[in-house]
Amino acid sequence: MTEAVFHTGLVAIVGRPNVGKSTLLNRLIGQKISIVSRKAQTTRHRITGVLTEGSNQFVFVDTPGFQTHHRNALNTTMNRTVSQVLKEVDAVLFLIEAGRFGPDDRKVMSLLPATAKVVLVINKVDLEADKDKLLPFMQGMAQEFSFAAIVPVSAERGSNVPELLRCLGEFLPEAPPLFGVDDITDRSERFLAAEFLREKLFRLLGEELPYGMTVEIEKFEVKGDLRRIFAAIVVDKAGHKGIVIGKGGEHLKRISSEARVDLEKLFDCKVYLETWVKVKSGWADDERALKSLGYD
């Protein structure tokens, strides 16, 4: 008997900020590894998600939303990540929202490589009130670029995601798997802990959240079925500490508690999480500080 031919490919997920890239990645691999919120610029790192189905292995790379309005070192680093990823992949999922294609979407489209298969993913179709407008919109988008396919989905609800995977599987090159069958990401538990804590900051502080905020894991210990995590929430200005801590420490307590619950689900074990807030002025515009905080 002959062995089944295996196909493996790197697939970038790109689009402007807040279009649903991280939600789609989590939906595709069936588990949450990329943080999500309604606030733009939630994703700041390259996140790899792995899905192995039969003789196909999809290695998805979720990228930060490409920035066209802000020009500090952090945003330059994020844009560099997007451009670099697009040079390495076999296929690209280019996300836009149903019924919406603006200058920021067009800027990302201008970066799409000619060497990879590009699938246009029209997300949030569940939010389109007039479904009769969807087909003309898809037809109009087909004139904008030589897409290998156009697939409408709802990443939030999972609608048509199996069809997206089926379509994408046709573009994977013949190659051995890069990861084990049960692997879902190449990111460390330490990295995921920082990301899940950062997500709670985005979700629970809302519009109060200072832009110049990140999370630094200062110590991560594994002791049997226990993870002991010590994390600093880094803010840019002294005046921002109070926003994160909240009256009587209520904000910080809730942020830490909800992050701990999610991390226990992710790691499938008990988690001890200790958090505090520290000031590191100008970190978002300091190349050396960015590297020390894990921005590559």
C-alpha atoms as a PDB file:
ATOM      1  CA  MET A   1       0.000   0.000   0.000  1.00  0.00           C
ATOM      2  CA  THR A   2       1.211   3.507  -0.771  1.00  0.00           C
ATOM      3  CA  GLU A   3       1.397   6.144   1.940  1.00  0.00           C
ATOM      4  CA  ALA A   4      -1.052   9.034   1.711  1.00  0.00           C
ATOM      5  CA  VAL A   5       0.535  12.179   0.308  1.00  0.00           C
ATOM      6  CA  PHE A   6       0.801  14.845   3.028  1.00  0.00           C
ATOM      7  CA  HIS A   7       0.295  18.546   2.432  1.00  0.00           C
ATOM      8  CA  THR A   8       1.557  21.312   4.719  1.00  0.00           C
ATOM      9  CA  GLY A   9       1.460  25.047   4.183  1.00  0.00           C
ATOM     10  CA  LEU A  10       2.018  28.377   5.899  1.00  0.00           C
ATOM     11  CA  VAL A  11      -1.087  30.555   5.698  1.00  0.00           C
ATOM     12  CA  ALA A  12      -1.018  34.248   6.676  1.00  0.00           C
ATOM     13  CA  ILE A  13      -4.147  35.909   8.033  1.00  0.00           C
ATOM     14  CA  VAL A  14      -3.987  39.610   7.185  1.00  0.00           C
ATOM     15  CA  GLY A  15      -6.266  42.628   7.171  1.00  0.00           C
ATOM     16  CA  ARG A  16      -6.725  46.051   8.662  1.00  0.00           C
ATOM     17  CA  PRO A  17      -7.137  46.357  12.449  1.00  0.00           C
ATOM     18  CA  ASN A  18     -10.269  44.978  14.095  1.00  0.00           C
ATOM     19  CA  VAL A  19     -11.529  43.003  11.093  1.00  0.00           C
ATOM     20  CA  GLY A  20     -11.670  39.669  12.944  1.00  0.00           C
ATOM     21  CA  LYS A  21      -8.330  37.994  12.231  1.00  0.00           C
ATOM     22  CA  SER A  22      -7.782  36.593  15.728  1.00  0.00           C
ATOM     23  CA  THR A  23     -11.392  35.427  16.005  1.00  0.00           C
ATOM     24  CA  LEU A  24     -10.977  33.564  12.706  1.00  0.00           C
ATOM     25  CA  LEU A  25      -7.707  31.948  13.828  1.00  0.00           C
ATOM     26  CA  ASN A  26      -9.309  30.690  17.048  1.00  0.00           C
ATOM     27  CA  ARG A  27     -12.285  29.378  15.080  1.00  0.00           C
ATOM     28  CA  LEU A  28     -10.092  27.606  12.513  1.00  0.00           C
ATOM     29  CA  ILE A  29      -8.026  25.681  15.054  1.00  0.00           C
ATOM     30  CA  GLY A  30     -10.915  25.126  17.451  1.00  0.00           C
ATOM     31  CA  GLN A  31      -9.275  26.664  20.517  1.00  0.00           C
ATOM     32  CA  LYS A  32      -8.493  30.130  21.786  1.00  0.00           C
ATOM     33  CA  ILE A  33      -4.817  31.024  21.447  1.00  0.00           C
ATOM     34  CA  SER A  34      -5.074  34.534  19.985  1.00  0.00           C
ATOM     35  CA  ILE A  35      -6.634  37.230  22.149  1.00  0.00           C
ATOM     36  CA  VAL A  36      -9.616  39.232  20.946  1.00  0.00           C
ATOM     37  CA  SER A  37     -11.432  42.428  21.878  1.00  0.00           C
ATOM     38  CA  ARG A  38     -13.438  45.132  20.161  1.00  0.00           C
ATOM     39  CA  LYS A  39     -10.551  47.553  20.619  1.00  0.00           C
ATOM     40  CA  ALA A  40      -8.249  47.986  17.607  1.00  0.00           C
ATOM     41  CA  GLN A  41      -4.608  46.857  17.831  1.00  0.00           C
ATOM     42  CA  THR A  42      -5.345  44.021  20.247  1.00  0.00           C
ATOM     43  CA  THR A  43      -2.970  41.717  18.341  1.00  0.00           C
ATOM     44  CA  ARG A  44       0.595  43.027  18.502  1.00  0.00           C
ATOM     45  CA  HIS A  45       2.556  39.848  17.781  1.00  0.00           C
ATOM     46  CA  ARG A  46       2.816  37.162  15.146  1.00  0.00           C
ATOM     47  CA  ILE A  47       0.720  34.245  16.475  1.00  0.00           C
ATOM     48  CA  THR A  48       0.978  30.785  14.921  1.00  0.00           C
ATOM     49  CA  GLY A  49      -1.957  28.377  15.089  1.00  0.00           C
ATOM     50  CA  VAL A  50      -1.728  24.781  13.875  1.00  0.00           C
ATOM     51  CA  LEU A  51      -4.549  22.590  12.552  1.00  0.00           C
ATOM     52  CA  THR A  52      -3.935  19.035  11.354  1.00  0.00           C
ATOM     53  CA  GLU A  53      -6.823  17.391   9.521  1.00  0.00           C
ATOM     54  CA  GLY A  54      -6.256  14.064   7.805  1.00  0.00           C
ATOM     55  CA  SER A  55      -3.341  14.514   5.409  1.00  0.00           C
ATOM     56  CA  ASN A  56      -3.377  18.322   5.642  1.00  0.00           C
ATOM     57  CA  GLN A  57      -1.556  20.533   8.112  1.00  0.00           C
ATOM     58  CA  PHE A  58      -2.474  24.221   8.096  1.00  0.00           C
ATOM     59  CA  VAL A  59       0.020  26.490   9.857  1.00  0.00           C
ATOM     60  CA  PHE A  60      -1.874  29.747  10.291  1.00  0.00           C
ATOM     61  CA  VAL A  61      -0.029  32.963  11.082  1.00  0.00           C
ATOM     62  CA  ASP A  62      -2.208  35.662  12.653  1.00  0.00           C
ATOM     63  CA  THR A  63      -0.627  39.070  12.155  1.00  0.00           C
ATOM     64  CA  PRO A  64      -1.174  42.502  13.733  1.00  0.00           C
ATOM     65  CA  GLY A  65      -3.551  44.758  11.830  1.00  0.00           C
ATOM     66  CA  PHE A  66      -1.508  46.845   9.389  1.00  0.00           C
ATOM     67  CA  GLN A  67      -1.210  50.381  10.724  1.00  0.00           C
ATOM     68  CA  THR A  68      -1.650  53.358   8.406  1.00  0.00           C
ATOM     69  CA  HIS A  69      -2.306  56.160  10.907  1.00  0.00           C
ATOM     70  CA  HIS A  70       0.192  55.816  13.785  1.00  0.00           C
ATOM     71  CA  ARG A  71       3.954  56.023  13.376  1.00  0.00           C
ATOM     72  CA  ASN A  72       5.759  55.091  16.572  1.00  0.00           C
ATOM     73  CA  ALA A  73       8.308  52.285  16.958  1.00  0.00           C
ATOM     74  CA  LEU A  74       5.674  49.795  18.145  1.00  0.00           C
ATOM     75  CA  ASN A  75       3.513  50.277  15.051  1.00  0.00           C
ATOM     76  CA  THR A  76       6.548  50.221  12.765  1.00  0.00           C
ATOM     77  CA  THR A  77       7.535  46.883  14.343  1.00  0.00           C
ATOM     78  CA  MET A  78       4.018  45.489  13.841  1.00  0.00           C
ATOM     79  CA  ASN A  79       3.931  46.594  10.192  1.00  0.00           C
ATOM     80  CA  ARG A  80       7.344  45.013   9.645  1.00  0.00           C
ATOM     81  CA  THR A  81       5.957  41.751  11.043  1.00  0.00           C
ATOM     82  CA  VAL A  82       3.076  41.800   8.524  1.00  0.00           C
ATOM     83  CA  SER A  83       5.391  42.500   5.571  1.00  0.00           C
ATOM     84  CA  GLN A  84       7.848  39.771   6.626  1.00  0.00           C
ATOM     85  CA  VAL A  85       5.142  37.136   7.080  1.00  0.00           C
ATOM     86  CA  LEU A  86       3.789  37.794   3.588  1.00  0.00           C
ATOM     87  CA  LYS A  87       7.188  36.895   2.098  1.00  0.00           C
ATOM     88  CA  GLU A  88       7.213  33.458   3.736  1.00  0.00           C
ATOM     89  CA  VAL A  89       3.776  31.939   3.175  1.00  0.00           C
ATOM     90  CA  ASP A  90       2.148  29.586   0.674  1.00  0.00           C
ATOM     91  CA  ALA A  91      -1.302  31.146   0.944  1.00  0.00           C
ATOM     92  CA  VAL A  92      -2.943  34.255   2.360  1.00  0.00           C
ATOM     93  CA  LEU A  93      -6.353  34.829   3.914  1.00  0.00           C
ATOM     94  CA  PHE A  94      -7.128  38.501   3.297  1.00  0.00           C
ATOM     95  CA  LEU A  95      -9.959  39.567   5.611  1.00  0.00           C
ATOM     96  CA  ILE A  96     -12.387  42.379   4.987  1.00  0.00           C
ATOM     97  CA  GLU A  97     -15.843  43.101   6.380  1.00  0.00           C
ATOM     98  CA  ALA A  98     -19.004  42.421   4.414  1.00  0.00           C
ATOM     99  CA  GLY A  99     -20.061  45.540   2.533  1.00  0.00           C
ATOM    100  CA  ARG A 100     -16.991  47.521   3.535  1.00  0.00           C
ATOM    101  CA  PHE A 101     -13.809  48.077   1.559  1.00  0.00           C
ATOM    102  CA  GLY A 102     -11.981  51.313   2.374  1.00  0.00           C
ATOM    103  CA  PRO A 103      -8.545  52.921   2.034  1.00  0.00           C
ATOM    104  CA  ASP A 104      -7.067  50.913   4.929  1.00  0.00           C
ATOM    105  CA  ASP A 105      -8.206  47.640   3.330  1.00  0.00           C
ATOM    106  CA  ARG A 106      -6.742  48.759   0.013  1.00  0.00           C
ATOM    107  CA  LYS A 107      -3.409  49.530   1.693  1.00  0.00           C
ATOM    108  CA  VAL A 108      -3.193  45.968   3.000  1.00  0.00           C
ATOM    109  CA  MET A 109      -4.237  44.622  -0.402  1.00  0.00           C
ATOM    110  CA  SER A 110      -1.306  46.469  -1.986  1.00  0.00           C
ATOM    111  CA  LEU A 111       1.033  44.306   0.136  1.00  0.00           C
ATOM    112  CA  LEU A 112      -0.403  40.969  -1.020  1.00  0.00           C
ATOM    113  CA  PRO A 113       2.261  38.801  -2.675  1.00  0.00           C
ATOM    114  CA  ALA A 114       2.004  37.629  -6.264  1.00  0.00           C
ATOM    115  CA  THR A 115       3.744  34.366  -5.321  1.00  0.00           C
ATOM    116  CA  ALA A 116       1.063  33.021  -2.955  1.00  0.00           C
ATOM    117  CA  LYS A 117      -2.560  32.012  -3.411  1.00  0.00           C
ATOM    118  CA  VAL A 118      -4.743  34.742  -1.925  1.00  0.00           C
ATOM    119  CA  VAL A 119      -8.217  33.904  -0.637  1.00  0.00           C
ATOM    120  CA  LEU A 120     -10.488  36.854   0.036  1.00  0.00           C
ATOM    121  CA  VAL A 121     -12.413  36.155   3.239  1.00  0.00           C
ATOM    122  CA  ILE A 122     -15.466  38.371   3.611  1.00  0.00           C
ATOM    123  CA  ASN A 123     -16.099  38.297   7.352  1.00  0.00           C
ATOM    124  CA  LYS A 124     -19.054  39.346   9.519  1.00  0.00           C
ATOM    125  CA  VAL A 125     -21.661  38.346   6.930  1.00  0.00           C
ATOM    126  CA  ASP A 126     -24.025  37.719   9.845  1.00  0.00           C
ATOM    127  CA  LEU A 127     -24.033  41.473  10.502  1.00  0.00           C
ATOM    128  CA  GLU A 128     -25.031  42.369   6.939  1.00  0.00           C
ATOM    129  CA  ALA A 129     -28.713  43.321   7.210  1.00  0.00           C
ATOM    130  CA  ASP A 130     -29.424  43.129   3.477  1.00  0.00           C
ATOM    131  CA  LYS A 131     -28.089  39.768   2.274  1.00  0.00           C
ATOM    132  CA  ASP A 132     -29.009  40.679  -1.328  1.00  0.00           C
ATOM    133  CA  LYS A 133     -26.094  43.117  -1.298  1.00  0.00           C
ATOM    134  CA  LEU A 134     -23.521  40.387  -0.602  1.00  0.00           C
ATOM    135  CA  LEU A 135     -23.305  38.894  -4.110  1.00  0.00           C
ATOM    136  CA  PRO A 136     -22.808  42.277  -5.889  1.00  0.00           C
ATOM    137  CA  PHE A 137     -20.191  43.145  -3.256  1.00  0.00           C
ATOM    138  CA  MET A 138     -18.342  39.870  -3.936  1.00  0.00           C
ATOM    139  CA  GLN A 139     -18.524  40.487  -7.673  1.00  0.00           C
ATOM    140  CA  GLY A 140     -17.094  43.973  -7.222  1.00  0.00           C
ATOM    141  CA  MET A 141     -14.251  42.662  -5.083  1.00  0.00           C
ATOM    142  CA  ALA A 142     -13.401  40.071  -7.742  1.00  0.00           C
ATOM    143  CA  GLN A 143     -12.424  42.990  -9.999  1.00  0.00           C
ATOM    144  CA  GLU A 144     -10.015  44.435  -7.432  1.00  0.00           C
ATOM    145  CA  PHE A 145      -7.431  41.617  -7.346  1.00  0.00           C
ATOM    146  CA  SER A 146      -6.728  38.198  -8.817  1.00  0.00           C
ATOM    147  CA  PHE A 147      -8.064  36.226  -5.854  1.00  0.00           C
ATOM    148  CA  ALA A 148      -7.727  32.442  -5.930  1.00  0.00           C
ATOM    149  CA  ALA A 149     -11.131  32.249  -4.219  1.00  0.00           C
ATOM    150  CA  ILE A 150     -13.671  34.422  -2.410  1.00  0.00           C
ATOM    151  CA  VAL A 151     -15.357  32.932   0.661  1.00  0.00           C
ATOM    152  CA  PRO A 152     -17.950  34.711   2.848  1.00  0.00           C
ATOM    153  CA  VAL A 153     -17.869  33.665   6.529  1.00  0.00           C
ATOM    154  CA  SER A 154     -18.834  34.602  10.046  1.00  0.00           C
ATOM    155  CA  ALA A 155     -15.765  33.912  12.177  1.00  0.00           C
ATOM    156  CA  GLU A 156     -17.776  34.721  15.303  1.00  0.00           C
ATOM    157  CA  ARG A 157     -20.466  32.119  14.572  1.00  0.00           C
ATOM    158  CA  GLY A 158     -18.402  29.680  12.505  1.00  0.00           C
ATOM    159  CA  SER A 159     -20.625  30.009   9.444  1.00  0.00           C
ATOM    160  CA  ASN A 160     -18.989  28.650   6.264  1.00  0.00           C
ATOM    161  CA  VAL A 161     -15.613  28.115   7.991  1.00  0.00           C
ATOM    162  CA  PRO A 162     -15.540  24.408   6.948  1.00  0.00           C
ATOM    163  CA  GLU A 163     -15.911  25.535   3.326  1.00  0.00           C
ATOM    164  CA  LEU A 164     -13.023  27.967   3.814  1.00  0.00           C
ATOM    165  CA  LEU A 165     -10.825  25.104   5.067  1.00  0.00           C
ATOM    166  CA  ARG A 166     -11.856  22.859   2.182  1.00  0.00           C
ATOM    167  CA  CYS A 167     -10.991  25.599  -0.303  1.00  0.00           C
ATOM    168  CA  LEU A 168      -7.699  26.400   1.403  1.00  0.00           C
ATOM    169  CA  GLY A 169      -6.666  22.738   1.478  1.00  0.00           C
ATOM    170  CA  GLU A 170      -6.429  22.797  -2.329  1.00  0.00           C
ATOM    171  CA  PHE A 171      -3.577  25.335  -2.108  1.00  0.00           C
ATOM    172  CA  LEU A 172      -1.319  23.515   0.368  1.00  0.00           C
ATOM    173  CA  PRO A 173       1.919  22.225  -1.185  1.00  0.00           C
ATOM    174  CA  GLU A 174       3.008  18.611  -0.827  1.00  0.00           C
ATOM    175  CA  ALA A 175       5.277  18.585   2.225  1.00  0.00           C
ATOM    176  CA  PRO A 176       5.760  16.709   5.518  1.00  0.00           C
ATOM    177  CA  PRO A 177       4.133  18.123   8.673  1.00  0.00           C
ATOM    178  CA  LEU A 178       6.002  20.817  10.588  1.00  0.00           C
ATOM    179  CA  PHE A 179       4.257  20.094  13.903  1.00  0.00           C
ATOM    180  CA  GLY A 180       2.846  17.151  15.816  1.00  0.00           C
ATOM    181  CA  VAL A 181      -0.743  16.140  15.233  1.00  0.00           C
ATOM    182  CA  ASP A 182      -1.845  17.522  18.636  1.00  0.00           C
ATOM    183  CA  ASP A 183       0.116  20.798  18.488  1.00  0.00           C
ATOM    184  CA  ILE A 184      -1.961  23.958  18.252  1.00  0.00           C
ATOM    185  CA  THR A 185       0.704  26.692  18.453  1.00  0.00           C
ATOM    186  CA  ASP A 186       4.454  27.264  18.586  1.00  0.00           C
ATOM    187  CA  ARG A 187       4.106  29.919  21.279  1.00  0.00           C
ATOM    188  CA  SER A 188       5.222  29.190  24.848  1.00  0.00           C
ATOM    189  CA  GLU A 189       2.961  29.077  27.900  1.00  0.00           C
ATOM    190  CA  ARG A 190       4.829  32.131  29.178  1.00  0.00           C
ATOM    191  CA  PHE A 191       3.901  34.097  26.048  1.00  0.00           C
ATOM    192  CA  LEU A 192       0.263  32.950  26.190  1.00  0.00           C
ATOM    193  CA  ALA A 193       0.013  33.987  29.836  1.00  0.00           C
ATOM    194  CA  ALA A 194       1.080  37.534  28.944  1.00  0.00           C
ATOM    195  CA  GLU A 195      -1.384  37.659  26.055  1.00  0.00           C
ATOM    196  CA  PHE A 196      -4.362  36.393  28.050  1.00  0.00           C
ATOM    197  CA  LEU A 197      -3.670  38.935  30.788  1.00  0.00           C
ATOM    198  CA  ARG A 198      -3.387  41.687  28.181  1.00  0.00           C
ATOM    199  CA  GLU A 199      -6.737  40.644  26.726  1.00  0.00           C
ATOM    200  CA  LYS A 200      -8.446  41.173  30.083  1.00  0.00           C
ATOM    201  CA  LEU A 201      -6.954  44.667  30.243  1.00  0.00           C
ATOM    202  CA  PHE A 202      -8.466  45.442  26.836  1.00  0.00           C
ATOM    203  CA  ARG A 203     -11.833  43.940  27.695  1.00  0.00           C
ATOM    204  CA  LEU A 204     -12.312  45.247  31.233  1.00  0.00           C
ATOM    205  CA  LEU A 205     -10.849  48.741  30.980  1.00  0.00           C
ATOM    206  CA  GLY A 206     -12.469  49.595  27.627  1.00  0.00           C
ATOM    207  CA  GLU A 207     -11.922  53.178  26.523  1.00  0.00           C
ATOM    208  CA  GLU A 208     -10.028  53.924  29.753  1.00  0.00           C
ATOM    209  CA  LEU A 209      -7.204  51.612  28.692  1.00  0.00           C
ATOM    210  CA  PRO A 210      -3.990  53.526  28.031  1.00  0.00           C
ATOM    211  CA  TYR A 211      -2.540  52.800  24.582  1.00  0.00           C
ATOM    212  CA  GLY A 212       0.985  52.639  26.040  1.00  0.00           C
ATOM    213  CA  MET A 213       0.311  49.450  28.014  1.00  0.00           C
ATOM    214  CA  THR A 214       1.771  45.948  27.772  1.00  0.00           C
ATOM    215  CA  VAL A 215       2.439  42.899  29.964  1.00  0.00           C
ATOM    216  CA  GLU A 216       5.814  41.530  31.040  1.00  0.00           C
ATOM    217  CA  ILE A 217       6.063  38.069  32.636  1.00  0.00           C
ATOM    218  CA  GLU A 218       8.875  38.420  35.152  1.00  0.00           C
ATOM    219  CA  LYS A 219       8.752  34.843  36.459  1.00  0.00           C
ATOM    220  CA  PHE A 220       6.994  31.686  35.204  1.00  0.00           C
ATOM    221  CA  GLU A 221       7.351  28.529  37.294  1.00  0.00           C
ATOM    222  CA  VAL A 222       6.031  25.031  36.565  1.00  0.00           C
ATOM    223  CA  LYS A 223       5.624  22.870  39.654  1.00  0.00           C
ATOM    224  CA  GLY A 224       3.812  19.655  38.749  1.00  0.00           C
ATOM    225  CA  ASP A 225       0.192  20.581  37.993  1.00  0.00           C
ATOM    226  CA  LEU A 226       0.672  24.173  39.156  1.00  0.00           C
ATOM    227  CA  ARG A 227       1.746  27.234  37.164  1.00  0.00           C
ATOM    228  CA  ARG A 228       3.077  30.151  39.265  1.00  0.00           C
ATOM    229  CA  ILE A 229       3.037  33.320  37.186  1.00  0.00           C
ATOM    230  CA  PHE A 230       4.346  36.731  38.239  1.00  0.00           C
ATOM    231  CA  ALA A 231       3.377  39.474  35.805  1.00  0.00           C
ATOM    232  CA  ALA A 232       4.014  43.221  35.559  1.00  0.00           C
ATOM    233  CA  ILE A 233       1.509  45.380  33.722  1.00  0.00           C
ATOM    234  CA  VAL A 234       3.670  48.046  32.114  1.00  0.00           C
ATOM    235  CA  VAL A 235       2.254  51.541  31.525  1.00  0.00           C
ATOM    236  CA  ASP A 236       3.849  54.526  29.854  1.00  0.00           C
ATOM    237  CA  LYS A 237       2.904  57.200  32.391  1.00  0.00           C
ATOM    238  CA  ALA A 238       2.644  57.326  36.179  1.00  0.00           C
ATOM    239  CA  GLY A 239      -0.883  58.707  35.881  1.00  0.00           C
ATOM    240  CA  HIS A 240      -1.996  55.494  34.148  1.00  0.00           C
ATOM    241  CA  LYS A 241      -1.267  53.274  37.165  1.00  0.00           C
ATOM    242  CA  GLY A 242      -4.457  54.343  38.897  1.00  0.00           C
ATOM    243  CA  ILE A 243      -6.543  53.516  35.815  1.00  0.00           C
ATOM    244  CA  VAL A 244      -5.271  49.948  35.750  1.00  0.00           C
ATOM    245  CA  ILE A 245      -5.430  49.419  39.529  1.00  0.00           C
ATOM    246  CA  GLY A 246      -8.858  51.015  40.023  1.00  0.00           C
ATOM    247  CA  LYS A 247     -10.498  52.197  43.234  1.00  0.00           C
ATOM    248  CA  GLY A 248      -9.405  49.958  46.084  1.00  0.00           C
ATOM    249  CA  GLY A 249      -7.588  47.774  43.568  1.00  0.00           C
ATOM    250  CA  GLU A 250     -10.885  46.542  42.063  1.00  0.00           C
ATOM    251  CA  HIS A 251      -9.765  46.728  38.433  1.00  0.00           C
ATOM    252  CA  LEU A 252      -6.526  44.840  38.979  1.00  0.00           C
ATOM    253  CA  LYS A 253      -8.246  42.181  41.105  1.00  0.00           C
ATOM    254  CA  ARG A 254     -10.897  41.503  38.463  1.00  0.00           C
ATOM    255  CA  ILE A 255      -8.387  41.537  35.586  1.00  0.00           C
ATOM    256  CA  SER A 256      -6.149  39.039  37.407  1.00  0.00           C
ATOM    257  CA  SER A 257      -9.033  36.807  38.482  1.00  0.00           C
ATOM    258  CA  GLU A 258     -10.549  36.518  34.990  1.00  0.00           C
ATOM    259  CA  ALA A 259      -7.148  35.968  33.379  1.00  0.00           C
ATOM    260  CA  ARG A 260      -6.375  33.199  35.883  1.00  0.00           C
ATOM    261  CA  VAL A 261      -9.646  31.402  35.065  1.00  0.00           C
ATOM    262  CA  ASP A 262      -8.882  31.463  31.332  1.00  0.00           C
ATOM    263  CA  LEU A 263      -5.303  30.303  31.878  1.00  0.00           C
ATOM    264  CA  GLU A 264      -6.476  27.358  33.975  1.00  0.00           C
ATOM    265  CA  LYS A 265      -8.719  26.307  31.091  1.00  0.00           C
ATOM    266  CA  LEU A 266      -5.887  26.713  28.585  1.00  0.00           C
ATOM    267  CA  PHE A 267      -3.207  24.912  30.620  1.00  0.00           C
ATOM    268  CA  ASP A 268      -5.648  22.419  32.195  1.00  0.00           C
ATOM    269  CA  CYS A 269      -4.137  22.907  35.651  1.00  0.00           C
ATOM    270  CA  LYS A 270      -4.172  25.216  38.650  1.00  0.00           C
ATOM    271  CA  VAL A 271      -2.671  28.685  38.161  1.00  0.00           C
ATOM    272  CA  TYR A 272      -1.331  31.109  40.755  1.00  0.00           C
ATOM    273  CA  LEU A 273      -1.205  34.562  39.182  1.00  0.00           C
ATOM    274  CA  GLU A 274       0.336  37.600  40.884  1.00  0.00           C
ATOM    275  CA  THR A 275       0.157  40.970  39.122  1.00  0.00           C
ATOM    276  CA  TRP A 276       1.309  44.523  39.749  1.00  0.00           C
ATOM    277  CA  VAL A 277       1.677  47.733  37.728  1.00  0.00           C
ATOM    278  CA  LYS A 278       4.946  49.484  36.898  1.00  0.00           C
ATOM    279  CA  VAL A 279       5.858  52.548  34.826  1.00  0.00           C
ATOM    280  CA  LYS A 280       8.298  52.326  31.909  1.00  0.00           C
ATOM    281  CA  SER A 281       8.134  55.710  30.167  1.00  0.00           C
ATOM    282  CA  GLY A 282       8.423  55.761  26.381  1.00  0.00           C
ATOM    283  CA  TRP A 283       8.583  51.961  25.957  1.00  0.00           C
ATOM    284  CA  ALA A 284       6.334  51.968  22.859  1.00  0.00           C
ATOM    285  CA  ASP A 285       8.789  54.196  20.975  1.00  0.00           C
ATOM    286  CA  ASP A 286      12.008  52.570  22.186  1.00  0.00           C
ATOM    287  CA  GLU A 287      13.432  49.773  19.994  1.00  0.00           C
ATOM    288  CA  ARG A 288      15.505  48.322  22.849  1.00  0.00           C
ATOM    289  CA  ALA A 289      12.532  48.300  25.245  1.00  0.00           C
ATOM    290  CA  LEU A 290      10.360  46.651  22.589  1.00  0.00           C
ATOM    291  CA  LYS A 291      12.854  43.829  22.176  1.00  0.00           C
ATOM    292  CA  SER A 292      13.108  43.286  25.923  1.00  0.00           C
ATOM    293  CA  LEU A 293       9.306  43.063  26.071  1.00  0.00           C
ATOM    294  CA  GLY A 294       9.173  40.416  23.328  1.00  0.00           C
ATOM    295  CA  TYR A 295       8.235  42.517  20.306  1.00  0.00           C
ATOM    296  CA  ASP A 296      10.072  41.114  17.305  1.00  0.00           C
END
